[in-house]
Amino acid sequence: MKNILYIIIAHIALMHQSLAADDNVLWIDNNRLRTGDVWLDDIPNAIRSLIDFFMWIAGTISVIFIIIGAYKILFWSLQQDKTKGRDTIIMALWGFALAALAWFIIKIILANFG
């Protein structure tokens, strides 16, 4: 369990470094943000980048819960606990499928309006 927490912290640190290394935030140049030179055309790009970030979060959480469900199945000896592990994995997959469907729908809407 401690290793999982280390992996999560490493992913968050890498994500923070990649955001800090970029020249822009939310697909908008930092110089334009500082001067207030932001237009309505920039809103779809900002929404796209936020949705991609939240999809990354949803994927990470679902993988964590799949790992937790696998640990429940492998290391817990009672039959009821094994079904709890299976249910955890199934719910994690359903949650990721729902997040992916929402991502797909929003991408289609933004492609038609952006």
Protein backbone atom coordinates (compact mmCIF):
# COMPACT_ATOMS: atom_id res chain seq x y z
CA MET A 1 0.00 0.00 0.00
CA LYS A 2 2.91 2.31 0.74
CA ASN A 3 4.26 1.73 -2.78
CA ILE A 4 0.95 2.80 -4.30
CA LEU A 5 1.11 6.08 -2.39
CA TYR A 6 4.66 6.64 -3.62
CA ILE A 7 3.53 6.05 -7.21
CA ILE A 8 0.66 8.53 -6.81
CA ILE A 9 2.96 11.18 -5.36
CA ALA A 10 5.46 10.62 -8.18
CA HIS A 11 2.71 11.03 -10.81
CA ILE A 12 1.48 14.24 -9.21
CA ALA A 13 5.05 15.59 -9.03
CA LEU A 14 5.65 14.73 -12.69
CA MET A 15 2.37 16.36 -13.70
CA HIS A 16 3.29 19.48 -11.73
CA GLN A 17 6.71 19.61 -13.39
CA SER A 18 5.22 19.23 -16.85
CA LEU A 19 2.73 22.02 -16.18
CA ALA A 20 5.45 24.26 -14.76
CA ALA A 21 7.76 23.58 -17.71
CA ASP A 22 5.14 24.56 -20.25
CA ASP A 23 5.14 28.05 -21.67
CA ASN A 24 1.39 28.29 -21.37
CA VAL A 25 -1.41 27.53 -18.98
CA LEU A 26 -4.70 26.21 -20.31
CA TRP A 27 -3.40 26.57 -23.88
CA ILE A 28 -3.03 30.33 -23.40
CA ASP A 29 0.38 32.01 -23.49
CA ASN A 30 1.55 33.31 -20.08
CA ASN A 31 2.34 36.75 -21.51
CA ARG A 32 -1.20 37.05 -22.84
CA LEU A 33 -2.59 36.02 -19.44
CA ARG A 34 -0.47 38.62 -17.62
CA THR A 35 -1.54 41.44 -19.91
CA GLY A 36 -5.18 40.33 -19.97
CA ASP A 37 -5.12 39.69 -23.71
CA VAL A 38 -7.56 36.78 -23.54
CA TRP A 39 -10.38 36.42 -26.06
CA LEU A 40 -13.52 34.34 -26.32
CA ASP A 41 -11.73 32.14 -28.86
CA ASP A 42 -9.46 30.93 -26.05
CA ILE A 43 -12.30 29.47 -23.98
CA PRO A 44 -12.68 26.20 -25.96
CA ASN A 45 -8.92 25.60 -25.69
CA ALA A 46 -9.05 26.16 -21.94
CA ILE A 47 -12.01 23.79 -21.61
CA ARG A 48 -10.18 21.14 -23.67
CA SER A 49 -7.11 21.29 -21.47
CA LEU A 50 -9.17 21.15 -18.26
CA ILE A 51 -11.11 18.15 -19.54
CA ASP A 52 -7.90 16.36 -20.48
CA PHE A 53 -6.53 17.05 -17.00
CA PHE A 54 -9.67 15.71 -15.30
CA MET A 55 -9.61 12.66 -17.57
CA TRP A 56 -6.02 12.03 -16.43
CA ILE A 57 -7.22 12.25 -12.81
CA ALA A 58 -10.13 9.86 -13.49
CA GLY A 59 -7.81 7.36 -15.17
CA THR A 60 -5.37 7.48 -12.28
CA ILE A 61 -8.10 6.98 -9.70
CA SER A 62 -9.61 4.08 -11.62
CA VAL A 63 -6.23 2.34 -11.91
CA ILE A 64 -5.70 2.80 -8.15
CA PHE A 65 -9.07 1.21 -7.40
CA ILE A 66 -8.38 -1.66 -9.80
CA ILE A 67 -5.14 -2.34 -7.92
CA ILE A 68 -6.96 -2.17 -4.59
CA GLY A 69 -9.60 -4.62 -5.87
CA ALA A 70 -6.86 -6.97 -7.07
CA TYR A 71 -5.23 -6.87 -3.64
CA LYS A 72 -8.57 -7.67 -2.05
CA ILE A 73 -9.01 -10.69 -4.31
CA LEU A 74 -5.45 -11.97 -3.93
CA PHE A 75 -4.77 -11.51 -0.24
CA TRP A 76 -8.10 -11.77 1.53
CA SER A 77 -9.13 -15.31 2.27
CA LEU A 78 -12.88 -15.10 2.81
CA GLN A 79 -15.21 -15.58 -0.14
CA GLN A 80 -17.23 -12.48 0.76
CA ASP A 81 -14.06 -10.36 0.72
CA LYS A 82 -13.16 -11.73 -2.71
CA THR A 83 -16.53 -10.65 -4.08
CA LYS A 84 -15.90 -7.20 -2.58
CA GLY A 85 -12.64 -7.08 -4.54
CA ARG A 86 -14.41 -8.11 -7.73
CA ASP A 87 -17.08 -5.47 -7.13
CA THR A 88 -14.37 -2.85 -6.57
CA ILE A 89 -12.77 -3.68 -9.91
CA ILE A 90 -16.11 -3.66 -11.73
CA MET A 91 -17.09 -0.30 -10.24
CA ALA A 92 -13.70 1.18 -11.14
CA LEU A 93 -14.12 0.04 -14.74
CA TRP A 94 -17.67 1.43 -14.89
CA GLY A 95 -16.48 4.74 -13.47
CA PHE A 96 -13.69 4.98 -16.03
CA ALA A 97 -16.07 4.04 -18.84
CA LEU A 98 -18.46 6.78 -17.73
CA ALA A 99 -15.62 9.33 -17.57
CA ALA A 100 -14.40 8.27 -21.03
CA LEU A 101 -17.91 8.58 -22.45
CA ALA A 102 -18.28 12.06 -20.96
CA TRP A 103 -14.86 13.00 -22.38
CA PHE A 104 -15.85 11.73 -25.81
CA ILE A 105 -19.17 13.63 -25.81
CA ILE A 106 -17.53 16.87 -24.71
CA LYS A 107 -14.80 16.50 -27.34
CA ILE A 108 -17.47 16.08 -30.04
CA ILE A 109 -19.37 19.14 -28.81
CA LEU A 110 -16.21 21.26 -28.68
CA ALA A 111 -15.15 20.07 -32.15
CA ASN A 112 -18.46 21.23 -33.58
CA PHE A 113 -18.44 24.61 -31.80
CA GLY A 114 -14.70 25.30 -31.72
